[in-house]
PDB file of N, CA and C in Angstrom:
ATOM      1  N   UNK A   1      -6.704  -7.341  -6.914  1.00  0.00           N
ATOM      2  CA  UNK A   1      -6.212  -6.220  -7.601  1.00  0.00           C
ATOM      3  C   UNK A   1      -4.581  -6.156  -7.401  1.00  0.00           C
ATOM      4  N   UNK A   2      -4.068  -5.385  -8.207  1.00  0.00           N
ATOM      5  CA  UNK A   2      -2.591  -5.326  -8.392  1.00  0.00           C
ATOM      6  C   UNK A   2      -2.164  -4.078  -7.467  1.00  0.00           C
ATOM      7  N   UNK A   3      -1.110  -4.231  -6.686  1.00  0.00           N
ATOM      8  CA  UNK A   3      -0.482  -3.215  -5.951  1.00  0.00           C
ATOM      9  C   UNK A   3       0.948  -3.026  -6.322  1.00  0.00           C
ATOM     10  N   UNK A   4       1.411  -1.733  -6.490  1.00  0.00           N
ATOM     11  CA  UNK A   4       2.816  -1.449  -6.683  1.00  0.00           C
ATOM     12  C   UNK A   4       3.248  -0.382  -5.653  1.00  0.00           C
ATOM     13  N   UNK A   5       4.115  -0.693  -4.803  1.00  0.00           N
ATOM     14  CA  UNK A   5       4.629   0.315  -3.771  1.00  0.00           C
ATOM     15  C   UNK A   5       5.989   0.911  -4.185  1.00  0.00           C
ATOM     16  N   UNK A   6       5.986   2.147  -4.515  1.00  0.00           N
ATOM     17  CA  UNK A   6       7.196   2.795  -5.026  1.00  0.00           C
ATOM     18  C   UNK A   6       7.715   3.893  -3.991  1.00  0.00           C
ATOM     19  N   UNK A   7       9.054   3.783  -3.697  1.00  0.00           N
ATOM     20  CA  UNK A   7       9.752   4.820  -2.889  1.00  0.00           C
ATOM     21  C   UNK A   7      10.625   5.543  -3.862  1.00  0.00           C
ATOM     22  N   UNK A   8      11.244   6.664  -3.363  1.00  0.00           N
ATOM     23  CA  UNK A   8      12.188   7.469  -4.305  1.00  0.00           C
ATOM     24  C   UNK A   8      13.468   6.450  -4.631  1.00  0.00           C
ATOM     25  N   UNK A   9      13.794   5.562  -3.717  1.00  0.00           N
ATOM     26  CA  UNK A   9      14.867   4.681  -4.012  1.00  0.00           C
ATOM     27  C   UNK A   9      14.694   3.413  -4.911  1.00  0.00           C
ATOM     28  N   UNK A  10      13.433   2.836  -4.724  1.00  0.00           N
ATOM     29  CA  UNK A  10      13.185   1.664  -5.426  1.00  0.00           C
ATOM     30  C   UNK A  10      11.604   1.204  -5.431  1.00  0.00           C
ATOM     31  N   UNK A  11      11.339   0.233  -6.185  1.00  0.00           N
ATOM     32  CA  UNK A  11      10.077  -0.344  -6.012  1.00  0.00           C
ATOM     33  C   UNK A  11      10.016  -1.324  -5.078  1.00  0.00           C
ATOM     34  N   UNK A  12       9.252  -1.261  -3.968  1.00  0.00           N
ATOM     35  CA  UNK A  12       9.346  -2.026  -2.735  1.00  0.00           C
ATOM     36  C   UNK A  12       8.587  -3.347  -2.904  1.00  0.00           C
ATOM     37  N   UNK A  13       7.450  -3.204  -3.737  1.00  0.00           N
ATOM     38  CA  UNK A  13       6.594  -4.454  -3.887  1.00  0.00           C
ATOM     39  C   UNK A  13       5.730  -4.201  -5.161  1.00  0.00           C
ATOM     40  N   UNK A  14       5.594  -5.313  -5.762  1.00  0.00           N
ATOM     41  CA  UNK A  14       4.705  -5.474  -6.926  1.00  0.00           C
ATOM     42  C   UNK A  14       4.035  -6.805  -6.901  1.00  0.00           C
ATOM     43  N   UNK A  15       2.553  -6.767  -6.978  1.00  0.00           N
ATOM     44  CA  UNK A  15       1.912  -8.059  -6.890  1.00  0.00           C
ATOM     45  C   UNK A  15       0.473  -7.939  -6.596  1.00  0.00           C
ATOM     46  N   UNK A  16      -0.240  -9.019  -6.701  1.00  0.00           N
ATOM     47  CA  UNK A  16      -1.655  -9.183  -6.376  1.00  0.00           C
ATOM     48  C   UNK A  16      -1.928  -9.167  -4.895  1.00  0.00           C
ATOM     49  N   UNK A  17      -3.025  -8.452  -4.451  1.00  0.00           N
ATOM     50  CA  UNK A  17      -3.431  -8.335  -3.094  1.00  0.00           C
ATOM     51  C   UNK A  17      -4.944  -8.478  -3.096  1.00  0.00           C
ATOM     52  N   UNK A  18      -5.546  -8.621  -1.843  1.00  0.00           N
ATOM     53  CA  UNK A  18      -7.013  -8.732  -1.649  1.00  0.00           C
ATOM     54  C   UNK A  18      -7.561  -7.353  -1.296  1.00  0.00           C
ATOM     55  N   UNK A  19      -6.880  -6.642  -0.434  1.00  0.00           N
ATOM     56  CA  UNK A  19      -7.331  -5.361   0.048  1.00  0.00           C
ATOM     57  C   UNK A  19      -6.215  -4.480   0.546  1.00  0.00           C
ATOM     58  N   UNK A  20      -6.482  -3.139   0.561  1.00  0.00           N
ATOM     59  CA  UNK A  20      -5.519  -2.275   1.143  1.00  0.00           C
ATOM     60  C   UNK A  20      -6.233  -1.177   1.907  1.00  0.00           C
ATOM     61  N   UNK A  21      -5.779  -1.055   3.237  1.00  0.00           N
ATOM     62  CA  UNK A  21      -6.320  -0.036   4.137  1.00  0.00           C
ATOM     63  C   UNK A  21      -5.152   1.061   4.286  1.00  0.00           C
ATOM     64  N   UNK A  22      -5.556   2.371   4.211  1.00  0.00           N
ATOM     65  CA  UNK A  22      -4.561   3.408   4.233  1.00  0.00           C
ATOM     66  C   UNK A  22      -5.083   4.539   5.162  1.00  0.00           C
ATOM     67  N   UNK A  23      -4.210   5.325   5.741  1.00  0.00           N
ATOM     68  CA  UNK A  23      -4.599   6.560   6.569  1.00  0.00           C
ATOM     69  C   UNK A  23      -4.605   7.712   5.542  1.00  0.00           C
ATOM     70  N   UNK A  24      -5.692   7.983   5.013  1.00  0.00           N
ATOM     71  CA  UNK A  24      -5.857   9.161   4.171  1.00  0.00           C
ATOM     72  C   UNK A  24      -5.854  10.474   4.941  1.00  0.00           C
ATOM     73  N   UNK A  25      -5.354  11.577   4.284  1.00  0.00           N
ATOM     74  CA  UNK A  25      -5.317  12.920   5.023  1.00  0.00           C
ATOM     75  C   UNK A  25      -6.753  13.325   5.546  1.00  0.00           C
ATOM     76  N   UNK A  26      -7.832  12.939   4.786  1.00  0.00           N
ATOM     77  CA  UNK A  26      -9.178  13.198   5.155  1.00  0.00           C
ATOM     78  C   UNK A  26      -9.874  11.971   5.932  1.00  0.00           C
ATOM     79  N   UNK A  27      -9.108  11.158   6.339  1.00  0.00           N
ATOM     80  CA  UNK A  27      -9.612   9.988   6.980  1.00  0.00           C
ATOM     81  C   UNK A  27      -9.075   8.673   6.460  1.00  0.00           C
ATOM     82  N   UNK A  28      -9.127   7.585   7.252  1.00  0.00           N
ATOM     83  CA  UNK A  28      -8.623   6.294   6.696  1.00  0.00           C
ATOM     84  C   UNK A  28      -9.745   5.677   5.751  1.00  0.00           C
ATOM     85  N   UNK A  29      -9.294   4.841   4.950  1.00  0.00           N
ATOM     86  CA  UNK A  29     -10.113   4.259   3.989  1.00  0.00           C
ATOM     87  C   UNK A  29      -9.480   3.002   3.239  1.00  0.00           C
ATOM     88  N   UNK A  30     -10.304   2.097   2.766  1.00  0.00           N
ATOM     89  CA  UNK A  30      -9.967   0.919   2.170  1.00  0.00           C
ATOM     90  C   UNK A  30     -10.333   0.803   0.739  1.00  0.00           C
ATOM     91  N   UNK A  31      -9.352   0.187  -0.028  1.00  0.00           N
ATOM     92  CA  UNK A  31      -9.796  -0.133  -1.432  1.00  0.00           C
ATOM     93  C   UNK A  31      -9.747  -1.595  -1.740  1.00  0.00           C
ATOM     94  N   UNK A  32     -10.714  -1.996  -2.429  1.00  0.00           N
ATOM     95  CA  UNK A  32     -10.957  -3.370  -2.812  1.00  0.00           C
ATOM     96  C   UNK A  32     -10.928  -3.513  -4.269  1.00  0.00           C
ATOM     97  N   UNK A  33     -11.073  -4.765  -4.811  1.00  0.00           N
ATOM     98  CA  UNK A  33     -11.077  -4.962  -6.230  1.00  0.00           C
ATOM     99  C   UNK A  33     -12.283  -4.225  -6.771  1.00  0.00           C
ATOM    100  N   UNK A  34     -12.169  -3.625  -7.982  1.00  0.00           N
ATOM    101  CA  UNK A  34     -13.239  -2.871  -8.635  1.00  0.00           C
ATOM    102  C   UNK A  34     -13.692  -1.623  -8.009  1.00  0.00           C
ATOM    103  N   UNK A  35     -12.733  -1.131  -7.137  1.00  0.00           N
ATOM    104  CA  UNK A  35     -13.025   0.180  -6.502  1.00  0.00           C
ATOM    105  C   UNK A  35     -13.068   1.380  -7.488  1.00  0.00           C
ATOM    106  N   UNK A  36     -13.786   2.390  -7.205  1.00  0.00           N
ATOM    107  CA  UNK A  36     -13.804   3.572  -8.201  1.00  0.00           C
ATOM    108  C   UNK A  36     -12.409   4.102  -8.141  1.00  0.00           C
ATOM    109  N   UNK A  37     -12.182   4.778  -9.288  1.00  0.00           N
ATOM    110  CA  UNK A  37     -10.787   5.512  -9.574  1.00  0.00           C
ATOM    111  C   UNK A  37     -10.755   6.525  -8.398  1.00  0.00           C
ATOM    112  N   UNK A  38      -9.574   6.604  -7.879  1.00  0.00           N
ATOM    113  CA  UNK A  38      -9.368   7.650  -6.797  1.00  0.00           C
ATOM    114  C   UNK A  38      -7.828   7.957  -6.652  1.00  0.00           C
ATOM    115  N   UNK A  39      -7.676   9.255  -6.348  1.00  0.00           N
ATOM    116  CA  UNK A  39      -6.289   9.747  -5.978  1.00  0.00           C
ATOM    117  C   UNK A  39      -6.388  10.466  -4.634  1.00  0.00           C
ATOM    118  N   UNK A  40      -5.490  10.051  -3.715  1.00  0.00           N
ATOM    119  CA  UNK A  40      -5.542  10.665  -2.300  1.00  0.00           C
ATOM    120  C   UNK A  40      -4.171  10.839  -1.715  1.00  0.00           C
ATOM    121  N   UNK A  41      -3.939  11.797  -1.017  1.00  0.00           N
ATOM    122  CA  UNK A  41      -2.764  12.131  -0.172  1.00  0.00           C
ATOM    123  C   UNK A  41      -2.953  11.196   1.055  1.00  0.00           C
ATOM    124  N   UNK A  42      -1.800  10.800   1.530  1.00  0.00           N
ATOM    125  CA  UNK A  42      -1.887   9.814   2.880  1.00  0.00           C
ATOM    126  C   UNK A  42      -1.103  10.616   3.947  1.00  0.00           C
ATOM    127  N   UNK A  43      -1.710  10.380   5.123  1.00  0.00           N
ATOM    128  CA  UNK A  43      -1.140  10.878   6.428  1.00  0.00           C
ATOM    129  C   UNK A  43      -0.135   9.885   6.868  1.00  0.00           C
ATOM    130  N   UNK A  44       0.689  10.330   7.906  1.00  0.00           N
ATOM    131  CA  UNK A  44       1.567   9.437   8.665  1.00  0.00           C
ATOM    132  C   UNK A  44       0.720   8.329   9.242  1.00  0.00           C
ATOM    133  N   UNK A  45       1.202   7.117   9.244  1.00  0.00           N
ATOM    134  CA  UNK A  45       0.527   5.991   9.879  1.00  0.00           C
ATOM    135  C   UNK A  45       0.864   4.866   9.349  1.00  0.00           C
ATOM    136  N   UNK A  46       0.029   3.760   9.081  1.00  0.00           N
ATOM    137  CA  UNK A  46       0.299   2.460   8.830  1.00  0.00           C
ATOM    138  C   UNK A  46      -0.662   1.892   7.642  1.00  0.00           C
ATOM    139  N   UNK A  47      -0.231   1.411   6.535  1.00  0.00           N
ATOM    140  CA  UNK A  47      -0.904   0.964   5.546  1.00  0.00           C
ATOM    141  C   UNK A  47      -0.927  -0.665   5.776  1.00  0.00           C
ATOM    142  N   UNK A  48      -2.271  -1.097   5.622  1.00  0.00           N
ATOM    143  CA  UNK A  48      -2.312  -2.627   5.910  1.00  0.00           C
ATOM    144  C   UNK A  48      -2.788  -3.305   4.504  1.00  0.00           C
ATOM    145  N   UNK A  49      -1.893  -4.268   4.245  1.00  0.00           N
ATOM    146  CA  UNK A  49      -2.085  -4.962   2.891  1.00  0.00           C
ATOM    147  C   UNK A  49      -2.733  -6.364   3.342  1.00  0.00           C
ATOM    148  N   UNK A  50      -3.853  -6.686   2.708  1.00  0.00           N
ATOM    149  CA  UNK A  50      -4.335  -8.023   3.106  1.00  0.00           C
ATOM    150  C   UNK A  50      -4.146  -8.920   1.861  1.00  0.00           C
ATOM    151  N   UNK A  51      -3.731 -10.186   2.109  1.00  0.00           N
ATOM    152  CA  UNK A  51      -3.398 -11.133   1.054  1.00  0.00           C
ATOM    153  C   UNK A  51      -2.087 -11.594   1.444  1.00  0.00           C
ATOM    154  N   UNK A  52      -1.856 -12.878   1.036  1.00  0.00           N
ATOM    155  CA  UNK A  52      -0.510 -13.520   1.097  1.00  0.00           C
ATOM    156  C   UNK A  52       0.448 -13.060   0.135  1.00  0.00           C
ATOM    157  N   UNK A  53       1.585 -12.178   0.595  1.00  0.00           N
ATOM    158  CA  UNK A  53       2.413 -11.426  -0.355  1.00  0.00           C
ATOM    159  C   UNK A  53       3.897 -11.883   0.019  1.00  0.00           C
ATOM    160  N   UNK A  54       4.735 -11.807  -1.009  1.00  0.00           N
ATOM    161  CA  UNK A  54       6.136 -12.064  -0.708  1.00  0.00           C
ATOM    162  C   UNK A  54       6.871 -10.829  -0.931  1.00  0.00           C
ATOM    163  N   UNK A  55       7.616 -10.467   0.102  1.00  0.00           N
ATOM    164  CA  UNK A  55       8.443  -9.198   0.154  1.00  0.00           C
ATOM    165  C   UNK A  55       9.835  -9.565  -0.141  1.00  0.00           C
ATOM    166  N   UNK A  56      10.550  -8.840  -1.142  1.00  0.00           N
ATOM    167  CA  UNK A  56      11.849  -9.041  -1.364  1.00  0.00           C
ATOM    168  C   UNK A  56      12.846  -8.900  -0.093  1.00  0.00           C
ATOM    169  N   UNK A  57      13.845  -9.745  -0.014  1.00  0.00           N
ATOM    170  CA  UNK A  57      14.706  -9.734   1.231  1.00  0.00           C
ATOM    171  C   UNK A  57      15.215  -8.237   1.536  1.00  0.00           C
ATOM    172  N   UNK A  58      15.628  -7.538   0.453  1.00  0.00           N
ATOM    173  CA  UNK A  58      16.182  -6.193   0.613  1.00  0.00           C
ATOM    174  C   UNK A  58      15.167  -5.274   1.303  1.00  0.00           C
ATOM    175  N   UNK A  59      14.015  -5.414   1.214  1.00  0.00           N
ATOM    176  CA  UNK A  59      12.911  -4.475   1.732  1.00  0.00           C
ATOM    177  C   UNK A  59      12.178  -5.027   2.938  1.00  0.00           C
ATOM    178  N   UNK A  60      12.437  -6.239   3.482  1.00  0.00           N
ATOM    179  CA  UNK A  60      11.632  -6.927   4.463  1.00  0.00           C
ATOM    180  C   UNK A  60      11.614  -6.070   5.764  1.00  0.00           C
ATOM    181  N   UNK A  61      12.766  -5.289   6.101  1.00  0.00           N
ATOM    182  CA  UNK A  61      12.846  -4.567   7.294  1.00  0.00           C
ATOM    183  C   UNK A  61      11.790  -3.346   7.329  1.00  0.00           C
ATOM    184  N   UNK A  62      11.254  -3.038   6.110  1.00  0.00           N
ATOM    185  CA  UNK A  62      10.242  -1.853   6.055  1.00  0.00           C
ATOM    186  C   UNK A  62       8.806  -2.333   6.257  1.00  0.00           C
ATOM    187  N   UNK A  63       8.656  -3.757   6.359  1.00  0.00           N
ATOM    188  CA  UNK A  63       7.267  -4.255   6.488  1.00  0.00           C
ATOM    189  C   UNK A  63       7.240  -5.103   7.664  1.00  0.00           C
ATOM    190  N   UNK A  64       6.056  -5.342   8.165  1.00  0.00           N
ATOM    191  CA  UNK A  64       5.817  -6.158   9.334  1.00  0.00           C
ATOM    192  C   UNK A  64       4.743  -7.145   8.880  1.00  0.00           C
ATOM    193  N   UNK A  65       4.995  -8.476   8.842  1.00  0.00           N
ATOM    194  CA  UNK A  65       3.906  -9.387   8.402  1.00  0.00           C
ATOM    195  C   UNK A  65       3.318 -10.177   9.612  1.00  0.00           C
ATOM    196  N   UNK A  66       2.071 -10.246   9.516  1.00  0.00           N
ATOM    197  CA  UNK A  66       1.317 -10.953  10.666  1.00  0.00           C
ATOM    198  C   UNK A  66       0.345 -11.837   9.931  1.00  0.00           C
ATOM    199  N   UNK A  67       0.680 -13.197   9.795  1.00  0.00           N
ATOM    200  CA  UNK A  67      -0.366 -14.071   8.992  1.00  0.00           C
ATOM    201  C   UNK A  67      -0.697 -13.581   7.635  1.00  0.00           C
ATOM    202  N   UNK A  68      -1.951 -13.337   7.307  1.00  0.00           N
ATOM    203  CA  UNK A  68      -2.363 -12.936   5.958  1.00  0.00           C
ATOM    204  C   UNK A  68      -2.358 -11.374   5.764  1.00  0.00           C
ATOM    205  N   UNK A  69      -1.768 -10.687   6.708  1.00  0.00           N
ATOM    206  CA  UNK A  69      -1.771  -9.239   6.788  1.00  0.00           C
ATOM    207  C   UNK A  69      -0.318  -8.667   6.794  1.00  0.00           C
ATOM    208  N   UNK A  70      -0.012  -7.680   5.955  1.00  0.00           N
ATOM    209  CA  UNK A  70       1.344  -7.004   6.021  1.00  0.00           C
ATOM    210  C   UNK A  70       1.056  -5.561   6.283  1.00  0.00           C
ATOM    211  N   UNK A  71       1.870  -5.091   7.195  1.00  0.00           N
ATOM    212  CA  UNK A  71       1.935  -3.559   7.540  1.00  0.00           C
ATOM    213  C   UNK A  71       3.069  -2.917   7.020  1.00  0.00           C
ATOM    214  N   UNK A  72       2.822  -1.631   6.443  1.00  0.00           N
ATOM    215  CA  UNK A  72       3.973  -0.726   6.033  1.00  0.00           C
ATOM    216  C   UNK A  72       3.812   0.505   6.743  1.00  0.00           C
ATOM    217  N   UNK A  73       4.706   1.004   7.435  1.00  0.00           N
ATOM    218  CA  UNK A  73       4.721   2.272   8.229  1.00  0.00           C
ATOM    219  C   UNK A  73       5.049   3.276   7.173  1.00  0.00           C
ATOM    220  N   UNK A  74       4.034   4.332   7.226  1.00  0.00           N
ATOM    221  CA  UNK A  74       4.171   5.528   6.378  1.00  0.00           C
ATOM    222  C   UNK A  74       4.741   6.685   7.148  1.00  0.00           C
ATOM    223  N   UNK A  75       5.989   6.754   7.239  1.00  0.00           N
ATOM    224  CA  UNK A  75       6.633   7.783   8.313  1.00  0.00           C
ATOM    225  C   UNK A  75       6.462   9.117   7.766  1.00  0.00           C
ATOM    226  N   UNK A  76       6.293   9.291   6.461  1.00  0.00           N
ATOM    227  CA  UNK A  76       6.153  10.612   5.880  1.00  0.00           C
ATOM    228  C   UNK A  76       4.797  10.829   5.132  1.00  0.00           C
ATOM    229  N   UNK A  77       3.853   9.810   5.267  1.00  0.00           N
ATOM    230  CA  UNK A  77       2.692   9.936   4.387  1.00  0.00           C
ATOM    231  C   UNK A  77       3.058   9.338   3.121  1.00  0.00           C
ATOM    232  N   UNK A  78       2.267   9.931   2.094  1.00  0.00           N
ATOM    233  CA  UNK A  78       2.388   9.387   0.666  1.00  0.00           C
ATOM    234  C   UNK A  78       1.210   9.834  -0.215  1.00  0.00           C
ATOM    235  N   UNK A  79       1.138   9.134  -1.331  1.00  0.00           N
ATOM    236  CA  UNK A  79       0.131   9.276  -2.181  1.00  0.00           C
ATOM    237  C   UNK A  79      -0.382   8.053  -2.753  1.00  0.00           C
ATOM    238  N   UNK A  80      -1.705   7.881  -3.053  1.00  0.00           N
ATOM    239  CA  UNK A  80      -2.189   6.664  -3.580  1.00  0.00           C
ATOM    240  C   UNK A  80      -3.068   6.990  -4.784  1.00  0.00           C
ATOM    241  N   UNK A  81      -2.948   6.144  -5.837  1.00  0.00           N
ATOM    242  CA  UNK A  81      -3.778   6.249  -6.982  1.00  0.00           C
ATOM    243  C   UNK A  81      -4.296   4.882  -7.293  1.00  0.00           C
ATOM    244  N   UNK A  82      -5.660   4.772  -7.439  1.00  0.00           N
ATOM    245  CA  UNK A  82      -6.307   3.533  -7.874  1.00  0.00           C
ATOM    246  C   UNK A  82      -6.950   3.697  -9.132  1.00  0.00           C
ATOM    247  N   UNK A  83      -6.807   2.823 -10.060  1.00  0.00           N
ATOM    248  CA  UNK A  83      -7.491   2.929 -11.380  1.00  0.00           C
ATOM    249  C   UNK A  83      -7.510   1.565 -12.026  1.00  0.00           C
ATOM    250  N   UNK A  84      -8.586   1.174 -12.451  1.00  0.00           N
ATOM    251  CA  UNK A  84      -8.581  -0.157 -13.153  1.00  0.00           C
ATOM    252  C   UNK A  84      -8.023  -1.317 -12.511  1.00  0.00           C
ATOM    253  N   UNK A  85      -8.369  -1.553 -11.133  1.00  0.00           N
ATOM    254  CA  UNK A  85      -7.907  -2.576 -10.262  1.00  0.00           C
ATOM    255  C   UNK A  85      -6.355  -2.528 -10.229  1.00  0.00           C
ATOM    256  N   UNK A  86      -5.793  -1.338 -10.418  1.00  0.00           N
ATOM    257  CA  UNK A  86      -4.237  -1.214 -10.059  1.00  0.00           C
ATOM    258  C   UNK A  86      -4.030  -0.112  -9.091  1.00  0.00           C
ATOM    259  N   UNK A  87      -3.375  -0.376  -8.022  1.00  0.00           N
ATOM    260  CA  UNK A  87      -3.020   0.675  -6.966  1.00  0.00           C
ATOM    261  C   UNK A  87      -1.643   1.016  -7.048  1.00  0.00           C
ATOM    262  N   UNK A  88      -1.228   2.291  -7.089  1.00  0.00           N
ATOM    263  CA  UNK A  88       0.065   2.645  -7.011  1.00  0.00           C
ATOM    264  C   UNK A  88       0.177   3.480  -5.762  1.00  0.00           C
ATOM    265  N   UNK A  89       1.065   3.162  -4.788  1.00  0.00           N
ATOM    266  CA  UNK A  89       1.243   3.678  -3.603  1.00  0.00           C
ATOM    267  C   UNK A  89       2.671   4.223  -3.659  1.00  0.00           C
ATOM    268  N   UNK A  90       2.755   5.647  -3.493  1.00  0.00           N
ATOM    269  CA  UNK A  90       4.102   6.291  -3.510  1.00  0.00           C
ATOM    270  C   UNK A  90       4.396   6.597  -2.040  1.00  0.00           C
ATOM    271  N   UNK A  91       5.522   6.248  -1.576  1.00  0.00           N
ATOM    272  CA  UNK A  91       5.872   6.549  -0.183  1.00  0.00           C
ATOM    273  C   UNK A  91       7.311   7.123  -0.165  1.00  0.00           C
ATOM    274  N   UNK A  92       7.564   7.822   0.920  1.00  0.00           N
ATOM    275  CA  UNK A  92       8.857   8.345   1.207  1.00  0.00           C
ATOM    276  C   UNK A  92       9.612   7.473   2.166  1.00  0.00           C
TER     277      UNK A  92
END
């Protein structure tokens, strides 16, 4: 599935991933390829991106990579939209 992470300042990441786990305001959940369409607000916490991804140098300080997993701290929560195998993650 395709993931786009957008902040007010810039697009932090765009590319293919295997899975995404996020802290929803009603509980944590994971989205996989062919997941049903969903829109959710996100709580403060950590998003876990699974798959080998490349982060642009300008934004590497906002991510923590461990092997095939990448973590992004959601210090102010955010919003997630999943539709047609495309996830848009809006973060502050």
